Amino acid sequence: MAAPGREPVPEADLAFHGVAQLDGGAVDLRLTPWNGGPAAVPDATVRLRWSVPLAAAQQLPARCVREDERTLLCATGAVGVDAAGELLRVPVRLGERSSEVTLEVDTAWAGGAVDRDRSNDRLKVLVLDTGDAYTF
């Protein structure tokens, strides 16, 4: 409930689903946001944190920036109610080859909406250097 004279804060339930594949120090990440509502999200930012440093030189999508040596921030774009957002493909290179990497995914910003269920937008995914696709 909003305080008198204040607009109510919209509520959304963001979740992230995707596939990560590690092959020889290169990771192919495909990520899709989902919003369970009840309000639409005009834009959001997803944080992608890797367990190992990323290579200094990257060719990131235009809507992604580096936060630090292991972390990227990527805009999701608008996500409607009970709908999937646009697929975000983020290919990255690791700073050094690793037999495995852990990817942490979480919402950094939800476009001004409140997300009371953070259990489905905070994930840890273990990806082995097998070339296999790990779905989450």
Protein backbone atom coordinates (compact mmCIF):
# COMPACT_ATOMS: atom_id res chain seq x y z
CA MET A 1 0.00 0.00 0.00
CA ALA A 2 1.34 3.41 -0.94
CA ALA A 3 1.70 6.23 1.56
CA PRO A 4 -0.84 9.06 1.20
CA GLY A 5 0.10 11.26 -1.76
CA ARG A 6 2.50 8.70 -3.23
CA GLU A 7 2.06 6.53 -6.26
CA PRO A 8 2.12 2.79 -5.54
CA VAL A 9 5.35 1.06 -6.54
CA PRO A 10 4.74 -1.49 -9.31
CA GLU A 11 5.49 -5.11 -8.49
CA ALA A 12 7.02 -7.58 -10.92
CA ASP A 13 8.46 -11.08 -10.65
CA LEU A 14 11.53 -11.39 -12.85
CA ALA A 15 13.18 -14.73 -13.55
CA PHE A 16 16.00 -15.68 -15.90
CA HIS A 17 16.30 -18.79 -18.02
CA GLY A 18 19.11 -19.68 -20.33
CA VAL A 19 21.87 -21.87 -21.66
CA ALA A 20 25.62 -21.59 -21.04
CA GLN A 21 28.30 -23.48 -22.95
CA LEU A 22 32.04 -23.42 -22.16
CA ASP A 23 34.47 -24.60 -24.81
CA GLY A 24 38.20 -23.91 -24.57
CA GLY A 25 37.96 -20.67 -22.59
CA ALA A 26 35.04 -19.23 -24.57
CA VAL A 27 31.55 -19.09 -23.08
CA ASP A 28 28.41 -18.75 -25.15
CA LEU A 29 25.61 -17.50 -22.89
CA ARG A 30 22.01 -17.13 -24.04
CA LEU A 31 19.66 -15.61 -21.49
CA THR A 32 15.96 -14.78 -21.58
CA PRO A 33 14.17 -12.76 -18.89
CA TRP A 34 10.65 -13.73 -17.83
CA ASN A 35 8.21 -11.55 -15.91
CA GLY A 36 5.42 -13.14 -13.90
CA GLY A 37 3.87 -9.72 -13.18
CA PRO A 38 1.63 -8.28 -12.04
CA ALA A 39 3.25 -5.16 -13.59
CA ALA A 40 5.27 -4.88 -16.80
CA VAL A 41 8.94 -3.94 -16.54
CA PRO A 42 10.01 -1.11 -18.89
CA ASP A 43 13.66 -2.21 -18.64
CA ALA A 44 15.84 -4.15 -16.23
CA THR A 45 19.51 -4.87 -15.68
CA VAL A 46 20.87 -8.36 -15.12
CA ARG A 47 24.23 -8.88 -13.38
CA LEU A 48 26.40 -11.72 -14.73
CA ARG A 49 29.26 -12.58 -12.37
CA TRP A 50 31.85 -15.19 -13.34
CA SER A 51 34.02 -17.17 -10.88
CA VAL A 52 37.13 -16.41 -12.94
CA PRO A 53 38.30 -13.13 -14.50
CA LEU A 54 37.19 -12.41 -18.04
CA ALA A 55 39.70 -11.59 -20.76
CA ALA A 56 40.46 -7.86 -20.94
CA ALA A 57 39.32 -7.55 -24.57
CA GLN A 58 35.70 -8.54 -25.20
CA GLN A 59 33.20 -7.93 -27.96
CA LEU A 60 30.13 -7.43 -25.83
CA PRO A 61 26.60 -6.76 -27.03
CA ALA A 62 25.77 -3.03 -27.13
CA ARG A 63 23.53 -3.37 -24.09
CA CYS A 64 26.26 -4.88 -21.86
CA VAL A 65 29.07 -3.17 -19.93
CA ARG A 66 31.76 -4.39 -17.58
CA GLU A 67 31.31 -3.72 -13.89
CA ASP A 68 34.67 -5.26 -12.93
CA GLU A 69 37.06 -7.98 -14.11
CA ARG A 70 34.51 -10.75 -13.46
CA THR A 71 31.16 -9.00 -13.83
CA LEU A 72 28.96 -7.71 -16.63
CA LEU A 73 25.77 -5.65 -16.43
CA CYS A 74 23.31 -6.09 -19.30
CA ALA A 75 20.03 -4.33 -20.07
CA THR A 76 17.16 -6.73 -20.73
CA GLY A 77 14.81 -4.32 -22.48
CA ALA A 78 11.10 -4.28 -21.73
CA VAL A 79 9.47 -7.41 -20.32
CA GLY A 80 5.67 -7.63 -20.41
CA VAL A 81 3.42 -9.35 -17.89
CA ASP A 82 3.47 -13.16 -18.09
CA ALA A 83 5.88 -12.86 -20.98
CA ALA A 84 9.44 -13.54 -21.99
CA GLY A 85 11.71 -10.68 -22.90
CA GLU A 86 14.15 -10.51 -25.76
CA LEU A 87 16.88 -13.15 -25.95
CA LEU A 88 20.22 -11.77 -24.77
CA ARG A 89 23.26 -13.49 -26.26
CA VAL A 90 26.51 -12.75 -24.42
CA PRO A 91 29.64 -14.45 -25.76
CA VAL A 92 32.63 -13.95 -23.45
CA ARG A 93 36.21 -15.11 -23.29
CA LEU A 94 37.79 -16.10 -20.00
CA GLY A 95 41.08 -14.53 -18.95
CA GLU A 96 42.60 -18.00 -18.79
CA ARG A 97 41.36 -21.43 -19.67
CA SER A 98 39.52 -23.16 -16.84
CA SER A 99 38.02 -26.65 -16.56
CA GLU A 100 34.89 -25.10 -15.07
CA VAL A 101 33.30 -21.77 -14.30
CA THR A 102 30.45 -20.72 -12.05
CA LEU A 103 28.08 -18.08 -13.38
CA GLU A 104 25.98 -16.09 -10.92
CA VAL A 105 22.91 -14.40 -12.42
CA ASP A 106 20.84 -11.83 -10.55
CA THR A 107 18.72 -8.75 -11.09
CA ALA A 108 20.69 -5.55 -10.49
CA TRP A 109 17.76 -3.24 -11.31
CA ALA A 110 14.12 -3.99 -12.14
CA GLY A 111 13.07 -0.78 -13.87
CA GLY A 112 11.64 0.72 -10.69
CA ALA A 113 9.47 -2.31 -9.91
CA VAL A 114 9.69 -4.23 -6.64
CA ASP A 115 10.38 -7.96 -6.90
CA ARG A 116 9.33 -9.67 -3.67
CA ASP A 117 10.32 -13.15 -4.90
CA ARG A 118 14.08 -12.98 -5.43
CA SER A 119 14.44 -16.79 -5.37
CA ASN A 120 13.93 -17.12 -9.14
CA ASP A 121 16.18 -14.31 -10.35
CA ARG A 122 19.27 -15.27 -8.32
CA LEU A 123 20.97 -18.29 -9.83
CA LYS A 124 24.31 -20.08 -9.71
CA VAL A 125 25.19 -22.22 -12.69
CA LEU A 126 28.19 -24.54 -12.88
CA VAL A 127 29.47 -24.83 -16.46
CA LEU A 128 32.14 -27.43 -17.30
CA ASP A 129 34.58 -27.10 -20.19
CA THR A 130 33.02 -29.97 -22.14
CA GLY A 131 31.33 -28.05 -24.92
CA ASP A 132 27.99 -29.25 -23.51
CA ALA A 133 25.11 -26.81 -23.09
CA TYR A 134 24.00 -26.29 -19.47
CA THR A 135 20.38 -25.19 -19.23
CA PHE A 136 19.04 -23.18 -16.30
